[in-house]
PDB file of N, CA and C in Angstrom:
ATOM      1  N   MET A   1      16.534  -4.541 -53.403  1.00  0.00           N
ATOM      2  CA  MET A   1      15.178  -3.848 -53.054  1.00  0.00           C
ATOM      3  C   MET A   1      14.511  -3.102 -53.672  1.00  0.00           C
ATOM      4  N   LYS A   2      14.598  -2.937 -54.608  1.00  0.00           N
ATOM      5  CA  LYS A   2      14.201  -1.912 -55.539  1.00  0.00           C
ATOM      6  C   LYS A   2      12.791  -1.520 -55.371  1.00  0.00           C
ATOM      7  N   TRP A   3      11.982  -2.309 -55.060  1.00  0.00           N
ATOM      8  CA  TRP A   3      10.746  -2.438 -54.841  1.00  0.00           C
ATOM      9  C   TRP A   3      10.383  -1.450 -53.286  1.00  0.00           C
ATOM     10  N   LEU A   4      11.304  -1.964 -52.374  1.00  0.00           N
ATOM     11  CA  LEU A   4      11.385  -0.684 -51.182  1.00  0.00           C
ATOM     12  C   LEU A   4      11.622   0.485 -51.243  1.00  0.00           C
ATOM     13  N   GLU A   5      12.834   0.734 -52.423  1.00  0.00           N
ATOM     14  CA  GLU A   5      12.830   2.265 -52.570  1.00  0.00           C
ATOM     15  C   GLU A   5      12.176   2.940 -53.277  1.00  0.00           C
ATOM     16  N   GLU A   6      11.065   2.299 -54.168  1.00  0.00           N
ATOM     17  CA  GLU A   6       9.904   2.597 -54.655  1.00  0.00           C
ATOM     18  C   GLU A   6       9.203   3.192 -53.863  1.00  0.00           C
ATOM     19  N   LEU A   7       8.827   2.334 -52.615  1.00  0.00           N
ATOM     20  CA  LEU A   7       7.762   2.339 -51.879  1.00  0.00           C
ATOM     21  C   LEU A   7       8.121   3.309 -50.839  1.00  0.00           C
ATOM     22  N   THR A   8       9.462   3.813 -50.894  1.00  0.00           N
ATOM     23  CA  THR A   8      10.048   4.813 -49.654  1.00  0.00           C
ATOM     24  C   THR A   8       9.316   6.168 -50.180  1.00  0.00           C
ATOM     25  N   GLU A   9       9.324   6.267 -51.242  1.00  0.00           N
ATOM     26  CA  GLU A   9       8.915   7.369 -52.077  1.00  0.00           C
ATOM     27  C   GLU A   9       7.742   7.733 -51.515  1.00  0.00           C
ATOM     28  N   LEU A  10       6.456   7.004 -51.491  1.00  0.00           N
ATOM     29  CA  LEU A  10       5.363   6.999 -51.167  1.00  0.00           C
ATOM     30  C   LEU A  10       4.826   6.910 -49.745  1.00  0.00           C
ATOM     31  N   LEU A  11       6.193   6.634 -49.085  1.00  0.00           N
ATOM     32  CA  LEU A  11       5.825   6.858 -47.545  1.00  0.00           C
ATOM     33  C   LEU A  11       6.281   8.142 -47.081  1.00  0.00           C
ATOM     34  N   GLU A  12       5.474   8.559 -45.423  1.00  0.00           N
ATOM     35  CA  GLU A  12       6.426   9.777 -45.008  1.00  0.00           C
ATOM     36  C   GLU A  12       6.334   9.437 -43.441  1.00  0.00           C
ATOM     37  N   CYS A  13       6.759   9.951 -42.690  1.00  0.00           N
ATOM     38  CA  CYS A  13       7.304  10.026 -41.293  1.00  0.00           C
ATOM     39  C   CYS A  13       5.857  10.217 -40.364  1.00  0.00           C
ATOM     40  N   PRO A  14       5.446   9.143 -39.695  1.00  0.00           N
ATOM     41  CA  PRO A  14       4.192   9.172 -39.136  1.00  0.00           C
ATOM     42  C   PRO A  14       4.360  10.517 -37.885  1.00  0.00           C
ATOM     43  N   ILE A  15       5.286  10.633 -37.401  1.00  0.00           N
ATOM     44  CA  ILE A  15       5.296  11.910 -36.339  1.00  0.00           C
ATOM     45  C   ILE A  15       5.499  13.399 -37.020  1.00  0.00           C
ATOM     46  N   CYS A  16       6.217  13.482 -38.023  1.00  0.00           N
ATOM     47  CA  CYS A  16       6.291  14.949 -38.568  1.00  0.00           C
ATOM     48  C   CYS A  16       6.071  15.135 -40.070  1.00  0.00           C
ATOM     49  N   LYS A  17       5.789  14.295 -40.294  1.00  0.00           N
ATOM     50  CA  LYS A  17       4.851  13.994 -42.116  1.00  0.00           C
ATOM     51  C   LYS A  17       6.457  14.452 -42.971  1.00  0.00           C
ATOM     52  N   GLY A  18       7.395  14.060 -42.509  1.00  0.00           N
ATOM     53  CA  GLY A  18       8.818  14.568 -43.409  1.00  0.00           C
ATOM     54  C   GLY A  18       9.175  13.097 -44.395  1.00  0.00           C
ATOM     55  N   ASP A  19      10.044  13.369 -45.385  1.00  0.00           N
ATOM     56  CA  ASP A  19      10.197  12.251 -46.284  1.00  0.00           C
ATOM     57  C   ASP A  19      11.295  11.440 -45.515  1.00  0.00           C
ATOM     58  N   LEU A  20      11.091  10.113 -46.039  1.00  0.00           N
ATOM     59  CA  LEU A  20      11.822   9.028 -45.384  1.00  0.00           C
ATOM     60  C   LEU A  20      13.059   8.616 -46.509  1.00  0.00           C
ATOM     61  N   GLU A  21      14.178   8.244 -45.894  1.00  0.00           N
ATOM     62  CA  GLU A  21      15.304   7.960 -46.321  1.00  0.00           C
ATOM     63  C   GLU A  21      15.469   6.428 -46.379  1.00  0.00           C
ATOM     64  N   LEU A  22      15.925   5.718 -47.572  1.00  0.00           N
ATOM     65  CA  LEU A  22      16.301   4.195 -47.319  1.00  0.00           C
ATOM     66  C   LEU A  22      17.428   3.876 -46.830  1.00  0.00           C
ATOM     67  N   LEU A  23      18.297   3.408 -45.793  1.00  0.00           N
ATOM     68  CA  LEU A  23      19.123   3.487 -44.935  1.00  0.00           C
ATOM     69  C   LEU A  23      19.733   1.910 -44.975  1.00  0.00           C
ATOM     70  N   GLY A  24      20.200   1.217 -45.874  1.00  0.00           N
ATOM     71  CA  GLY A  24      20.464  -0.142 -45.299  1.00  0.00           C
ATOM     72  C   GLY A  24      19.320  -1.211 -45.193  1.00  0.00           C
ATOM     73  N   ASN A  25      18.897  -1.209 -43.720  1.00  0.00           N
ATOM     74  CA  ASN A  25      17.914  -2.040 -43.538  1.00  0.00           C
ATOM     75  C   ASN A  25      16.813  -1.310 -42.607  1.00  0.00           C
ATOM     76  N   LYS A  26      16.894   0.000 -42.441  1.00  0.00           N
ATOM     77  CA  LYS A  26      16.142   1.236 -41.746  1.00  0.00           C
ATOM     78  C   LYS A  26      15.453   1.865 -42.689  1.00  0.00           C
ATOM     79  N   LEU A  27      14.640   2.944 -42.410  1.00  0.00           N
ATOM     80  CA  LEU A  27      14.192   4.215 -43.064  1.00  0.00           C
ATOM     81  C   LEU A  27      14.752   5.240 -41.802  1.00  0.00           C
ATOM     82  N   CYS A  28      15.047   5.948 -42.208  1.00  0.00           N
ATOM     83  CA  CYS A  28      15.286   7.516 -41.462  1.00  0.00           C
ATOM     84  C   CYS A  28      14.560   8.462 -41.856  1.00  0.00           C
ATOM     85  N   CYS A  29      14.033   9.554 -41.007  1.00  0.00           N
ATOM     86  CA  CYS A  29      13.246  10.534 -41.494  1.00  0.00           C
ATOM     87  C   CYS A  29      14.522  11.518 -41.894  1.00  0.00           C
ATOM     88  N   LYS A  30      13.972  12.214 -42.530  1.00  0.00           N
ATOM     89  CA  LYS A  30      15.613  13.685 -43.178  1.00  0.00           C
ATOM     90  C   LYS A  30      15.017  14.685 -42.304  1.00  0.00           C
ATOM     91  N   LYS A  31      13.821  15.070 -41.986  1.00  0.00           N
ATOM     92  CA  LYS A  31      13.484  15.855 -40.960  1.00  0.00           C
ATOM     93  C   LYS A  31      13.791  16.101 -39.307  1.00  0.00           C
ATOM     94  N   CYS A  32      13.262  15.265 -39.011  1.00  0.00           N
ATOM     95  CA  CYS A  32      13.020  14.559 -37.687  1.00  0.00           C
ATOM     96  C   CYS A  32      14.080  13.658 -37.113  1.00  0.00           C
ATOM     97  N   LYS A  33      14.659  12.964 -38.134  1.00  0.00           N
ATOM     98  CA  LYS A  33      15.722  11.993 -37.739  1.00  0.00           C
ATOM     99  C   LYS A  33      15.267  10.743 -36.899  1.00  0.00           C
ATOM    100  N   LYS A  34      14.343  10.835 -36.979  1.00  0.00           N
ATOM    101  CA  LYS A  34      13.264   9.185 -36.405  1.00  0.00           C
ATOM    102  C   LYS A  34      13.790   8.434 -37.407  1.00  0.00           C
ATOM    103  N   VAL A  35      14.564   7.000 -36.691  1.00  0.00           N
ATOM    104  CA  VAL A  35      14.606   5.951 -37.349  1.00  0.00           C
ATOM    105  C   VAL A  35      13.796   4.669 -37.378  1.00  0.00           C
ATOM    106  N   TYR A  36      13.160   4.166 -38.463  1.00  0.00           N
ATOM    107  CA  TYR A  36      12.407   2.755 -38.438  1.00  0.00           C
ATOM    108  C   TYR A  36      12.988   1.853 -38.805  1.00  0.00           C
ATOM    109  N   LEU A  37      12.741   0.748 -38.333  1.00  0.00           N
ATOM    110  CA  LEU A  37      13.343  -0.367 -38.462  1.00  0.00           C
ATOM    111  C   LEU A  37      12.684  -1.207 -39.942  1.00  0.00           C
ATOM    112  N   ILE A  38      13.081  -1.921 -40.528  1.00  0.00           N
ATOM    113  CA  ILE A  38      12.625  -2.966 -41.594  1.00  0.00           C
ATOM    114  C   ILE A  38      12.636  -4.158 -40.870  1.00  0.00           C
ATOM    115  N   LYS A  39      11.488  -4.900 -40.668  1.00  0.00           N
ATOM    116  CA  LYS A  39      11.463  -6.230 -40.001  1.00  0.00           C
ATOM    117  C   LYS A  39      10.634  -7.266 -41.072  1.00  0.00           C
ATOM    118  N   ASP A  40      11.506  -8.188 -41.359  1.00  0.00           N
ATOM    119  CA  ASP A  40      10.867  -9.245 -42.393  1.00  0.00           C
ATOM    120  C   ASP A  40      10.413  -8.454 -43.771  1.00  0.00           C
ATOM    121  N   LYS A  41      11.065  -7.198 -44.010  1.00  0.00           N
ATOM    122  CA  LYS A  41      10.796  -7.080 -45.514  1.00  0.00           C
ATOM    123  C   LYS A  41       9.552  -5.915 -45.058  1.00  0.00           C
ATOM    124  N   ILE A  42       9.214  -5.570 -44.101  1.00  0.00           N
ATOM    125  CA  ILE A  42       7.915  -4.708 -43.700  1.00  0.00           C
ATOM    126  C   ILE A  42       8.290  -3.347 -42.817  1.00  0.00           C
ATOM    127  N   PRO A  43       8.291  -2.442 -43.303  1.00  0.00           N
ATOM    128  CA  PRO A  43       8.626  -0.900 -42.605  1.00  0.00           C
ATOM    129  C   PRO A  43       7.823  -1.048 -41.436  1.00  0.00           C
ATOM    130  N   VAL A  44       8.244  -0.800 -40.594  1.00  0.00           N
ATOM    131  CA  VAL A  44       7.371  -0.626 -39.117  1.00  0.00           C
ATOM    132  C   VAL A  44       7.678   0.794 -39.037  1.00  0.00           C
ATOM    133  N   LEU A  45       6.350   1.652 -38.834  1.00  0.00           N
ATOM    134  CA  LEU A  45       6.498   2.901 -38.956  1.00  0.00           C
ATOM    135  C   LEU A  45       5.455   3.368 -37.792  1.00  0.00           C
ATOM    136  N   LEU A  46       5.709   2.608 -36.404  1.00  0.00           N
ATOM    137  CA  LEU A  46       4.846   2.956 -35.709  1.00  0.00           C
ATOM    138  C   LEU A  46       5.769   4.213 -34.726  1.00  0.00           C
ATOM    139  N   GLY A  47       4.623   5.437 -34.373  1.00  0.00           N
ATOM    140  CA  GLY A  47       5.419   6.745 -33.821  1.00  0.00           C
ATOM    141  C   GLY A  47       5.246   6.601 -31.991  1.00  0.00           C
ATOM    142  N   GLU A  48       5.609   7.281 -31.510  1.00  0.00           N
ATOM    143  CA  GLU A  48       5.561   6.807 -30.369  1.00  0.00           C
ATOM    144  C   GLU A  48       4.631   7.561 -29.633  1.00  0.00           C
TER     145      GLU A  48
END
């Protein structure tokens, strides 16, 4: 999923605006530690 790694560099956490890190099949905010799932190759970045 090289394209997803590149896309992750452009994305930010919708809650705290922190950087996201790709961990397997999910994205994790490095700042607030919120975890976002990736469903059908689409990152689901819904805030609370």
